[in-house]
Structure formats: structure tokens, C-alpha cells
């Protein structure tokens, strides 16, 4: 009787062991799948980080170019103002000379 009871317990434990082994395999497989997904996401994260860095650098370069062109624009504006003033001075001189010419002509 004792032998039969022990044999039954052994069978029950063997079945439980098999069930647990299958669960272990399933969990291992899920773990592998999740690990692969994690790796894929990590690679995507790295790719996006690199793209972000590239765009940031391009943005900085464009900002510097914008500043350079703004300075050039300011310089040209100042030159334009100087030329306008010279033009005004020459126009005044021209008017004065024209008046002198009229006076001398009479």
C-alpha cells in the first residue's frame, strides 16, 4: 500500500514538474521576445537621438548664417544711409552752384 501511495505521489509530482517546465519554457520564450523588442526600441531610440543631434546642428548652423546675414544687412543699411547723405550734400552744392550761375549769368 505504501509503495502504491508513493508511486501516485511520484506521478503527481512528475506531472507538476512537467507543467512547471512548460510554463518555464513559455516564460523564457516571452522573455526572449521582450528582449528582442527592447533591443529594437533601443536601436530606434539611438537612431532618433542621432537625427535629433543632426537637426540641432543644422538649426545652429542656420542660426549662425541668419546672424551673419543680419549683420551684413545692417552694414549695407549704414552704407546706404551714408550714400543718401552724400547725395543730399551734392544736391545742395549743385543748387548753390546753379544759383551762383544764375547770379553770374545776369
C-alpha atoms as a PDB file:
ATOM      1  CA  UNK A   1       0.000   0.000   0.000  1.00  0.00           C
ATOM      2  CA  UNK A   2       2.742   2.449   0.999  1.00  0.00           C
ATOM      3  CA  UNK A   3       4.565   1.704  -2.267  1.00  0.00           C
ATOM      4  CA  UNK A   4       1.390   2.450  -4.315  1.00  0.00           C
ATOM      5  CA  UNK A   5       0.800   5.728  -2.406  1.00  0.00           C
ATOM      6  CA  UNK A   6       4.419   6.775  -3.018  1.00  0.00           C
ATOM      7  CA  UNK A   7       4.092   5.809  -6.709  1.00  0.00           C
ATOM      8  CA  UNK A   8       0.951   8.008  -7.032  1.00  0.00           C
ATOM      9  CA  UNK A   9       2.692  10.933  -5.311  1.00  0.00           C
ATOM     10  CA  UNK A  10       5.669  10.447  -7.642  1.00  0.00           C
ATOM     11  CA  UNK A  11       3.359  10.566 -10.694  1.00  0.00           C
ATOM     12  CA  UNK A  12       1.573  13.700  -9.389  1.00  0.00           C
ATOM     13  CA  UNK A  13       4.926  15.404  -8.735  1.00  0.00           C
ATOM     14  CA  UNK A  14       6.160  14.328 -12.187  1.00  0.00           C
ATOM     15  CA  UNK A  15       3.070  15.919 -13.800  1.00  0.00           C
ATOM     16  CA  UNK A  16       3.538  19.108 -11.786  1.00  0.00           C
ATOM     17  CA  UNK A  17       7.204  19.156 -12.812  1.00  0.00           C
ATOM     18  CA  UNK A  18       6.217  18.837 -16.496  1.00  0.00           C
ATOM     19  CA  UNK A  19       3.619  21.621 -16.157  1.00  0.00           C
ATOM     20  CA  UNK A  20       6.164  23.880 -14.446  1.00  0.00           C
ATOM     21  CA  UNK A  21       8.773  23.030 -17.105  1.00  0.00           C
ATOM     22  CA  UNK A  22       6.308  24.032 -19.875  1.00  0.00           C
ATOM     23  CA  UNK A  23       5.469  27.273 -18.036  1.00  0.00           C
ATOM     24  CA  UNK A  24       9.203  27.923 -17.667  1.00  0.00           C
ATOM     25  CA  UNK A  25       9.695  27.414 -21.420  1.00  0.00           C
ATOM     26  CA  UNK A  26       6.764  29.717 -22.243  1.00  0.00           C
ATOM     27  CA  UNK A  27       8.124  32.411 -19.883  1.00  0.00           C
ATOM     28  CA  UNK A  28      11.625  32.014 -21.370  1.00  0.00           C
ATOM     29  CA  UNK A  29      10.184  32.440 -24.886  1.00  0.00           C
ATOM     30  CA  UNK A  30       8.230  35.560 -23.798  1.00  0.00           C
ATOM     31  CA  UNK A  31      11.403  36.872 -22.146  1.00  0.00           C
ATOM     32  CA  UNK A  32      13.301  36.419 -25.429  1.00  0.00           C
ATOM     33  CA  UNK A  33      10.559  38.197 -27.406  1.00  0.00           C
ATOM     34  CA  UNK A  34      10.568  41.112 -24.936  1.00  0.00           C
ATOM     35  CA  UNK A  35      14.376  41.253 -25.026  1.00  0.00           C
ATOM     36  CA  UNK A  36      14.297  41.478 -28.826  1.00  0.00           C
ATOM     37  CA  UNK A  37      11.645  44.211 -28.722  1.00  0.00           C
ATOM     38  CA  UNK A  38      13.738  46.059 -26.134  1.00  0.00           C
ATOM     39  CA  UNK A  39      16.773  45.862 -28.435  1.00  0.00           C
ATOM     40  CA  UNK A  40      14.751  47.078 -31.430  1.00  0.00           C
ATOM     41  CA  UNK A  41      13.370  50.015 -29.403  1.00  0.00           C
ATOM     42  CA  UNK A  42      16.874  50.824 -28.123  1.00  0.00           C
ATOM     43  CA  UNK A  43      18.186  50.929 -31.707  1.00  0.00           C
ATOM     44  CA  UNK A  44      15.276  53.150 -32.804  1.00  0.00           C
ATOM     45  CA  UNK A  45      15.943  55.411 -29.803  1.00  0.00           C
ATOM     46  CA  UNK A  46      19.601  55.720 -30.848  1.00  0.00           C
ATOM     47  CA  UNK A  47      18.646  56.469 -34.478  1.00  0.00           C
ATOM     48  CA  UNK A  48      16.194  59.182 -33.383  1.00  0.00           C
ATOM     49  CA  UNK A  49      18.773  60.608 -30.963  1.00  0.00           C
ATOM     50  CA  UNK A  50      21.286  60.868 -33.832  1.00  0.00           C
ATOM     51  CA  UNK A  51      18.693  62.503 -36.101  1.00  0.00           C
ATOM     52  CA  UNK A  52      17.835  64.929 -33.289  1.00  0.00           C
ATOM     53  CA  UNK A  53      21.518  65.818 -32.913  1.00  0.00           C
ATOM     54  CA  UNK A  54      21.921  66.320 -36.687  1.00  0.00           C
ATOM     55  CA  UNK A  55      18.838  68.578 -36.816  1.00  0.00           C
ATOM     56  CA  UNK A  56      20.081  70.520 -33.777  1.00  0.00           C
ATOM     57  CA  UNK A  57      23.431  71.106 -35.507  1.00  0.00           C
ATOM     58  CA  UNK A  58      21.710  72.201 -38.729  1.00  0.00           C
ATOM     59  CA  UNK A  59      19.493  74.540 -36.702  1.00  0.00           C
ATOM     60  CA  UNK A  60      22.589  76.054 -35.065  1.00  0.00           C
ATOM     61  CA  UNK A  61      24.314  76.484 -38.459  1.00  0.00           C
ATOM     62  CA  UNK A  62      21.199  78.200 -39.878  1.00  0.00           C
ATOM     63  CA  UNK A  63      21.018  80.467 -36.802  1.00  0.00           C
ATOM     64  CA  UNK A  64      24.669  81.489 -37.341  1.00  0.00           C
ATOM     65  CA  UNK A  65      24.045  82.151 -41.048  1.00  0.00           C
ATOM     66  CA  UNK A  66      20.979  84.200 -40.101  1.00  0.00           C
ATOM     67  CA  UNK A  67      23.106  86.288 -37.728  1.00  0.00           C
ATOM     68  CA  UNK A  68      25.810  86.797 -40.386  1.00  0.00           C
ATOM     69  CA  UNK A  69      23.233  87.944 -42.971  1.00  0.00           C
ATOM     70  CA  UNK A  70      21.586  90.229 -40.394  1.00  0.00           C
ATOM     71  CA  UNK A  71      24.985  91.877 -39.742  1.00  0.00           C
ATOM     72  CA  UNK A  72      25.624  92.249 -43.485  1.00  0.00           C
ATOM     73  CA  UNK A  73      22.150  93.767 -43.855  1.00  0.00           C
ATOM     74  CA  UNK A  74      22.928  96.286 -41.091  1.00  0.00           C
ATOM     75  CA  UNK A  75      26.286  97.198 -42.717  1.00  0.00           C
ATOM     76  CA  UNK A  76      24.606  97.716 -46.109  1.00  0.00           C
ATOM     77  CA  UNK A  77      21.881  99.825 -44.465  1.00  0.00           C
ATOM     78  CA  UNK A  78      24.558 102.047 -42.891  1.00  0.00           C
ATOM     79  CA  UNK A  79      26.369 102.374 -46.229  1.00  0.00           C
ATOM     80  CA  UNK A  80      23.055 103.227 -47.875  1.00  0.00           C
ATOM     81  CA  UNK A  81      22.428 105.974 -45.282  1.00  0.00           C
ATOM     82  CA  UNK A  82      25.948 107.389 -45.883  1.00  0.00           C
ATOM     83  CA  UNK A  83      25.378 107.419 -49.665  1.00  0.00           C
ATOM     84  CA  UNK A  84      21.984 109.117 -49.207  1.00  0.00           C
ATOM     85  CA  UNK A  85      23.626 111.842 -47.087  1.00  0.00           C
ATOM     86  CA  UNK A  86      26.406 112.304 -49.678  1.00  0.00           C
ATOM     87  CA  UNK A  87      23.736 112.535 -52.363  1.00  0.00           C
ATOM     88  CA  UNK A  88      21.891 115.215 -50.342  1.00  0.00           C
ATOM     89  CA  UNK A  89      25.165 117.187 -49.846  1.00  0.00           C
ATOM     90  CA  UNK A  90      25.932 117.009 -53.574  1.00  0.00           C
ATOM     91  CA  UNK A  91      22.378 118.086 -54.388  1.00  0.00           C
ATOM     92  CA  UNK A  92      22.768 121.140 -52.089  1.00  0.00           C
ATOM     93  CA  UNK A  93      26.100 122.011 -53.669  1.00  0.00           C
ATOM     94  CA  UNK A  94      24.505 121.633 -57.093  1.00  0.00           C
ATOM     95  CA  UNK A  95      21.671 124.008 -56.073  1.00  0.00           C
ATOM     96  CA  UNK A  96      24.173 126.556 -54.707  1.00  0.00           C
ATOM     97  CA  UNK A  97      26.264 126.379 -57.901  1.00  0.00           C
ATOM     98  CA  UNK A  98      23.121 126.747 -60.026  1.00  0.00           C
ATOM     99  CA  UNK A  99      22.099 129.871 -58.043  1.00  0.00           C
ATOM    100  CA  UNK A 100      25.646 131.330 -58.442  1.00  0.00           C
ATOM    101  CA  UNK A 101      25.483 130.575 -62.146  1.00  0.00           C
ATOM    102  CA  UNK A 102      22.144 132.372 -62.432  1.00  0.00           C
ATOM    103  CA  UNK A 103      23.533 135.370 -60.495  1.00  0.00           C
ATOM    104  CA  UNK A 104      26.659 135.492 -62.654  1.00  0.00           C
ATOM    105  CA  UNK A 105      24.660 134.998 -65.860  1.00  0.00           C
ATOM    106  CA  UNK A 106      22.591 138.105 -65.026  1.00  0.00           C
END
